Protein backbone atom coordinates (compact mmCIF):
# COMPACT_ATOMS: atom_id res chain seq x y z
CA MET A 1 -0.04 -0.03 0.00
CA LYS A 2 1.75 3.18 -1.26
CA ALA A 3 0.27 5.68 1.15
CA ARG A 4 1.31 7.99 4.02
CA VAL A 5 -0.68 7.11 7.09
CA MET A 6 -0.71 8.92 10.45
CA LEU A 7 -1.46 6.88 13.50
CA ILE A 8 -3.08 9.17 16.25
CA GLY A 9 -2.34 7.48 19.56
CA GLY A 10 -0.16 5.11 17.60
CA ALA A 11 2.33 4.28 20.41
CA GLY A 12 -0.26 2.27 22.29
CA TYR A 13 -1.02 -1.34 22.04
CA ILE A 14 -3.33 -1.69 19.05
CA GLY A 15 -1.97 1.38 17.21
CA SER A 16 1.66 0.28 17.26
CA ILE A 17 0.74 -3.23 15.95
CA CYS A 18 -1.40 -1.63 13.33
CA GLY A 19 1.64 0.48 12.40
CA HIS A 20 3.75 -2.54 12.17
CA VAL A 21 1.36 -4.26 9.71
CA LEU A 22 0.89 -1.07 7.69
CA THR A 23 4.77 -0.72 7.33
CA GLN A 24 5.02 -4.37 6.18
CA ALA A 25 2.22 -3.64 3.58
CA GLY A 26 4.41 -0.84 2.18
CA ALA A 27 2.79 2.19 3.83
CA THR A 28 4.82 5.09 5.23
CA VAL A 29 3.81 5.43 8.86
CA VAL A 30 3.89 8.58 11.10
CA THR A 31 2.96 8.08 14.78
CA TYR A 32 1.43 11.03 16.76
CA ASP A 33 1.13 10.48 20.47
CA ASN A 34 1.61 12.36 23.67
CA LEU A 35 2.98 9.07 25.36
CA SER A 36 0.78 9.53 28.34
CA SER A 37 -0.07 5.88 28.06
CA GLY A 38 1.77 4.76 24.89
CA HIS A 39 5.41 3.79 24.73
CA ARG A 40 8.22 5.32 22.73
CA ALA A 41 9.69 1.91 22.02
CA ALA A 42 6.39 0.79 20.50
CA ALA A 43 5.96 3.72 18.00
CA GLN A 44 6.34 2.73 14.39
CA GLY A 45 7.82 5.06 11.76
CA SER A 46 8.69 8.55 12.76
CA LEU A 47 7.27 9.80 16.08
CA ILE A 48 5.66 13.19 16.76
CA GLU A 49 4.92 13.99 20.41
CA GLY A 50 1.66 15.96 20.65
CA ASP A 51 -1.80 15.97 22.12
CA ILE A 52 -4.92 15.24 19.98
CA ARG A 53 -6.43 18.46 21.48
CA ASP A 54 -3.75 20.59 19.88
CA ARG A 55 -5.38 21.42 16.50
CA ALA A 56 -2.53 23.55 15.32
CA ALA A 57 0.07 20.92 15.97
CA LEU A 58 -2.01 18.33 14.27
CA THR A 59 -2.56 20.52 11.28
CA THR A 60 1.14 21.20 10.89
CA ALA A 61 1.96 17.48 11.23
CA LEU A 62 -0.54 16.40 8.74
CA LYS A 63 0.61 19.04 6.18
CA THR A 64 4.38 18.52 6.83
CA HIS A 65 4.21 14.72 6.24
CA ARG A 66 1.74 14.97 3.31
CA ILE A 67 -0.60 12.46 4.99
CA ASP A 68 -3.09 10.48 2.82
CA ALA A 69 -5.16 8.84 5.49
CA VAL A 70 -5.40 8.90 9.41
CA MET A 71 -6.05 6.10 11.86
CA HIS A 72 -7.35 7.34 15.20
CA PHE A 73 -6.60 5.20 18.31
CA ALA A 74 -6.21 7.95 20.87
CA ALA A 75 -8.63 7.66 23.78
CA LEU A 76 -9.00 7.18 27.48
CA SER A 77 -10.52 3.79 27.84
CA LEU A 78 -10.92 2.58 31.46
CA VAL A 79 -14.66 2.12 32.16
CA GLY A 80 -14.44 2.57 35.94
CA GLU A 81 -12.32 5.72 35.64
CA SER A 82 -14.86 7.10 33.18
CA VAL A 83 -17.59 6.71 35.77
CA LYS A 84 -15.55 8.70 38.28
CA HIS A 85 -14.28 11.36 35.78
CA PRO A 86 -16.69 11.60 32.89
CA LEU A 87 -15.61 15.19 31.92
CA ARG A 88 -12.08 13.92 31.39
CA TYR A 89 -13.40 11.32 28.96
CA PHE A 90 -15.60 13.65 27.08
CA ASP A 91 -12.69 16.07 26.81
CA VAL A 92 -10.16 13.68 25.36
CA ASN A 93 -12.34 11.23 23.50
CA VAL A 94 -15.07 13.63 22.14
CA ALA A 95 -13.41 17.01 22.03
CA GLY A 96 -10.13 15.49 20.96
CA THR A 97 -11.70 13.85 17.96
CA VAL A 98 -13.39 17.17 16.89
CA SER A 99 -9.97 18.65 17.12
CA LEU A 100 -8.48 16.05 14.90
CA LEU A 101 -11.33 16.42 12.36
CA GLN A 102 -10.86 20.15 12.29
CA ALA A 103 -7.12 19.69 11.72
CA MET A 104 -7.74 17.11 8.95
CA SER A 105 -10.13 19.55 7.27
CA ASP A 106 -7.54 22.38 7.62
CA ALA A 107 -4.88 20.05 6.01
CA GLY A 108 -7.09 18.64 3.33
CA VAL A 109 -6.96 15.13 4.70
CA ARG A 110 -10.38 13.45 4.39
CA ARG A 111 -9.80 9.69 5.03
CA LEU A 112 -10.12 8.34 8.58
CA VAL A 113 -10.32 4.83 10.22
CA PHE A 114 -11.67 5.18 13.75
CA SER A 115 -10.99 2.83 16.67
CA SER A 116 -14.45 2.24 18.21
CA THR A 117 -15.84 -0.37 20.61
CA CYS A 118 -18.60 -2.77 21.33
CA ALA A 119 -19.26 -0.72 24.53
CA ILE A 120 -21.40 1.57 22.37
CA TYR A 121 -24.04 -1.20 22.40
CA GLY A 122 -24.52 -1.64 26.04
CA PRO A 123 -26.13 -4.72 27.43
CA PRO A 124 -26.90 -7.23 24.61
CA GLN A 125 -30.50 -7.36 23.47
CA ARG A 126 -29.54 -10.31 21.13
CA LEU A 127 -26.53 -12.49 20.46
CA PRO A 128 -24.39 -12.35 18.36
CA MET A 129 -24.29 -8.64 18.28
CA ASP A 130 -24.46 -7.05 14.66
CA GLU A 131 -23.92 -3.50 13.67
CA ALA A 132 -27.73 -2.89 13.74
CA HIS A 133 -27.93 -3.69 17.42
CA PRO A 134 -29.44 -0.68 19.44
CA HIS A 135 -26.93 1.61 21.16
CA ALA A 136 -27.47 1.94 24.89
CA PRO A 137 -23.92 2.47 26.35
CA ILE A 138 -23.86 2.31 30.15
CA SER A 139 -20.54 4.12 30.91
CA PRO A 140 -19.20 7.52 30.06
CA TYR A 141 -16.53 5.78 28.02
CA GLY A 142 -19.05 3.94 25.95
CA ARG A 143 -21.16 7.13 25.59
CA SER A 144 -18.02 9.11 24.45
CA LYS A 145 -17.34 6.60 21.60
CA ASP A 146 -21.05 6.61 20.64
CA MET A 147 -20.94 10.38 20.50
CA VAL A 148 -17.80 10.28 18.32
CA GLU A 149 -19.47 7.82 15.93
CA LYS A 150 -22.42 10.17 15.60
CA ILE A 151 -19.97 13.08 14.78
CA LEU A 152 -18.16 10.93 12.22
CA ALA A 153 -21.45 9.95 10.48
CA ALA A 154 -22.33 13.65 10.18
CA CYS A 155 -18.81 14.40 8.79
CA ARG A 156 -19.16 11.59 6.32
CA GLU A 157 -22.53 12.88 5.14
CA ARG A 158 -21.98 16.68 5.15
CA GLU A 159 -18.29 17.47 5.32
CA GLY A 160 -16.88 15.35 2.58
CA PHE A 161 -14.99 12.89 4.82
CA SER A 162 -14.51 9.15 4.04
CA ILE A 163 -14.60 7.40 7.47
CA THR A 164 -14.82 3.85 8.64
CA ALA A 165 -15.38 2.99 12.33
CA LEU A 166 -14.22 -0.47 13.63
CA ARG A 167 -16.00 -1.61 16.69
CA TYR A 168 -13.61 -3.84 18.64
CA PHE A 169 -14.77 -6.60 20.91
CA ASN A 170 -11.86 -7.92 23.17
CA ALA A 171 -8.41 -7.27 21.70
CA ALA A 172 -5.84 -9.84 22.81
CA GLY A 173 -2.43 -11.29 22.02
CA ALA A 174 0.95 -10.01 20.78
CA THR A 175 3.15 -10.18 17.66
CA PRO A 176 4.59 -13.77 17.60
CA ASP A 177 8.16 -12.33 17.22
CA GLY A 178 7.86 -10.74 20.71
CA LEU A 179 8.45 -7.14 19.45
CA LEU A 180 5.08 -5.67 20.25
CA GLY A 181 2.48 -6.45 22.89
CA GLU A 182 0.19 -5.20 25.66
CA SER A 183 1.60 -3.02 28.31
CA HIS A 184 -0.96 -0.95 30.30
CA SER A 185 -0.71 0.85 33.60
CA PRO A 186 -3.04 0.10 35.16
CA GLU A 187 -3.82 -3.15 33.41
CA SER A 188 -7.42 -3.96 33.21
CA HIS A 189 -7.64 -6.80 30.60
CA LEU A 190 -8.28 -10.32 31.71
CA ILE A 191 -5.46 -12.18 29.78
CA PRO A 192 -2.50 -10.19 30.88
CA LEU A 193 -3.92 -9.97 34.46
CA ALA A 194 -4.20 -13.77 34.47
CA LEU A 195 -0.78 -14.31 33.07
CA ASP A 196 0.80 -11.80 35.64
CA ALA A 197 -0.96 -13.74 38.40
CA ALA A 198 0.42 -17.01 37.04
CA LEU A 199 3.93 -15.38 36.98
CA GLY A 200 3.61 -14.12 40.53
CA ARG A 201 3.70 -10.54 39.54
CA ARG A 202 0.35 -9.58 41.10
CA PRO A 203 -2.13 -10.98 43.62
CA PRO A 204 -4.51 -13.79 42.67
CA LEU A 205 -6.94 -13.08 39.92
CA SER A 206 -10.54 -12.14 40.91
CA LEU A 207 -13.43 -14.02 39.13
CA PHE A 208 -16.14 -11.43 39.14
CA GLY A 209 -19.33 -13.59 39.13
CA THR A 210 -19.40 -17.39 38.95
CA ASP A 211 -23.17 -17.87 38.93
CA TYR A 212 -24.10 -16.54 35.35
CA GLU A 213 -26.23 -18.64 33.14
CA THR A 214 -23.33 -19.68 31.00
CA ARG A 215 -21.69 -23.02 30.34
CA ASP A 216 -19.45 -22.75 33.50
CA GLY A 217 -20.99 -19.78 35.37
CA THR A 218 -18.51 -17.18 34.37
CA CYS A 219 -18.81 -14.40 31.77
CA VAL A 220 -18.35 -15.03 28.03
CA ARG A 221 -16.44 -12.66 25.89
CA ASP A 222 -15.29 -12.50 22.23
CA TYR A 223 -11.40 -12.42 21.99
CA VAL A 224 -9.88 -11.17 18.77
CA HIS A 225 -6.14 -11.37 17.96
CA VAL A 226 -4.54 -7.90 17.66
CA LEU A 227 -3.00 -8.89 14.36
CA ASP A 228 -6.47 -9.62 13.09
CA LEU A 229 -7.59 -6.18 14.17
CA ALA A 230 -4.60 -4.74 12.40
CA SER A 231 -5.46 -6.55 9.14
CA ALA A 232 -8.96 -4.99 9.29
CA HIS A 233 -7.52 -1.63 9.64
CA LEU A 234 -5.32 -2.15 6.55
CA LEU A 235 -8.30 -3.41 4.58
CA ALA A 236 -10.38 -0.43 5.69
CA ALA A 237 -7.65 2.09 4.80
CA GLN A 238 -7.15 0.39 1.32
CA ARG A 239 -10.89 0.71 0.69
CA LEU A 240 -11.01 4.39 1.61
CA LEU A 241 -7.97 5.10 -0.46
CA ALA A 242 -9.65 3.43 -3.40
CA GLY A 243 -12.57 5.99 -3.10
CA ASP A 244 -15.04 4.31 -0.74
CA ARG A 245 -16.97 6.60 1.61
CA GLY A 246 -16.59 4.23 4.62
CA ASP A 247 -18.91 2.34 6.87
CA VAL A 248 -19.11 0.82 10.44
CA TYR A 249 -18.00 -2.74 11.16
CA ASN A 250 -17.80 -5.14 14.16
CA LEU A 251 -14.50 -6.83 14.82
CA GLY A 252 -14.76 -10.13 16.62
CA THR A 253 -14.36 -13.84 15.86
CA GLY A 254 -18.09 -14.62 16.74
CA ASN A 255 -16.84 -17.22 19.19
CA GLY A 256 -17.19 -16.71 23.06
CA THR A 257 -14.83 -17.89 25.64
CA THR A 258 -15.56 -17.99 29.38
CA VAL A 259 -13.31 -16.58 32.10
CA ARG A 260 -12.61 -20.08 33.38
CA GLU A 261 -11.79 -21.23 29.85
CA ILE A 262 -9.23 -18.39 29.66
CA ILE A 263 -7.68 -19.59 32.92
CA ASP A 264 -7.60 -23.26 31.72
CA ALA A 265 -5.92 -22.19 28.47
CA ILE A 266 -3.29 -20.11 30.29
CA GLU A 267 -2.48 -23.02 32.62
CA ALA A 268 -2.12 -25.38 29.65
CA VAL A 269 0.00 -23.02 27.62
CA THR A 270 2.24 -21.95 30.46
CA GLY A 271 2.28 -25.04 32.65
CA LEU A 272 1.66 -22.65 35.60
CA PRO A 273 -1.47 -22.45 37.91
CA VAL A 274 -3.39 -19.27 37.68
CA PRO A 275 -4.13 -18.26 41.44
CA HIS A 276 -7.61 -16.97 41.58
CA SER A 277 -10.58 -16.46 43.94
CA GLU A 278 -14.30 -16.03 43.38
CA ALA A 279 -15.79 -12.56 43.85
CA PRO A 280 -19.22 -11.11 43.45
CA ARG A 281 -20.54 -9.99 40.05
CA ARG A 282 -19.52 -6.39 39.01
CA PRO A 283 -22.39 -4.16 38.31
CA GLY A 284 -23.13 -3.78 34.54
CA ASP A 285 -21.27 -6.96 33.56
CA PRO A 286 -23.49 -8.87 30.97
CA PRO A 287 -23.21 -12.67 31.07
CA ALA A 288 -22.11 -12.79 27.44
CA LEU A 289 -20.87 -10.53 24.68
CA TYR A 290 -19.87 -11.79 21.21
CA ALA A 291 -19.97 -10.36 17.75
CA SER A 292 -21.44 -10.92 14.37
CA SER A 293 -18.69 -9.91 11.93
CA GLU A 294 -20.52 -11.06 8.85
CA LYS A 295 -20.65 -7.60 7.51
CA ILE A 296 -16.89 -6.95 7.28
CA ARG A 297 -16.33 -10.39 6.00
CA ALA A 298 -18.78 -9.76 3.11
CA ASP A 299 -17.65 -6.12 2.39
CA LEU A 300 -13.91 -6.12 2.94
CA GLY A 301 -13.05 -9.84 2.83
CA TRP A 302 -11.79 -9.88 6.31
CA GLU A 303 -11.29 -13.19 8.04
CA PRO A 304 -9.76 -13.64 11.57
CA THR A 305 -6.91 -16.12 11.32
CA TRP A 306 -6.35 -16.46 15.03
CA THR A 307 -9.52 -18.44 15.92
CA ASP A 308 -8.17 -20.75 18.66
CA ILE A 309 -7.90 -19.19 22.00
CA ALA A 310 -4.82 -21.22 22.99
CA SER A 311 -2.77 -19.72 20.04
CA ILE A 312 -3.88 -16.22 21.03
CA ILE A 313 -2.74 -16.88 24.57
CA GLU A 314 0.54 -18.41 23.44
CA THR A 315 1.57 -14.98 21.89
CA ALA A 316 0.35 -13.08 25.00
CA ALA A 317 2.28 -15.45 27.23
CA SER A 318 5.41 -15.08 25.32
CA TRP A 319 5.22 -11.37 25.56
CA SER A 320 4.34 -11.44 29.24
CA LYS A 321 7.33 -13.44 30.10
CA ASN A 322 9.73 -11.04 28.46
CA PRO A 323 8.12 -7.59 27.63
CA ARG A 324 10.21 -5.10 25.70
CA TYR A 325 8.58 -2.07 27.34
């Protein structure tokens, strides 16, 4: 892909791995990140340190590097924190995106792939969840992403933008070569938390709810390998560069895995026990969430290649044992 792509928030987990995949596909990558949660060592291509709310700096960067398309990963994403500090989330996630869109308009860049989330749907009214599922987000984080999607739809319709929003389910895994992986502070994702518990780096894992009406009583979630997410971003960008106006797509495997199954898989992969204890349900945790990704399969030809949870965990475990950053 001969294009110049700017990754906003590209020094984070998903953004850096998307940058890696884009570079392998022939794109020139520029990373723009304030490094508040991203990692300098993860950034792909040239790195510009800056905040998404700085419209002037964004405009200059877009013009200087003659950017053809933008991928937007920059966001605050901790659900619990968003409940405590909703204004912070609306400032970064919503106002920051408006700043980016204004800068793109100023620079004459009209193609955008946006990192969205299944949190915009809220509790499932049907499973698997497709793109037509009603939106009823229950956290300020989910509401902020839903607000942004509405803004993006208006920009696609009225402002001449070509925009695709990709709604992630549960991103997981690392690059098999061990170069890029998941490193959050604080960590909130199940697989790295369970791996760290197995490696003795943190207290025993808490199983929040063991009495759900699922096959083993624990929550079911749809885990999609981060390299499969990256391939979807590449396909979406290629379609926009070819003249498509964009759309919205779920990104998931369509297969649900329970918390206990994750623990069993980690123990099988690592040969280590995962210390854990049972805890009460967390408010707002639905018993099951998994995607229908038929739309992106049909429209863009995307297919997840990492469909076995053990293979996903193998890459995450290899990273956890020896993280580069």
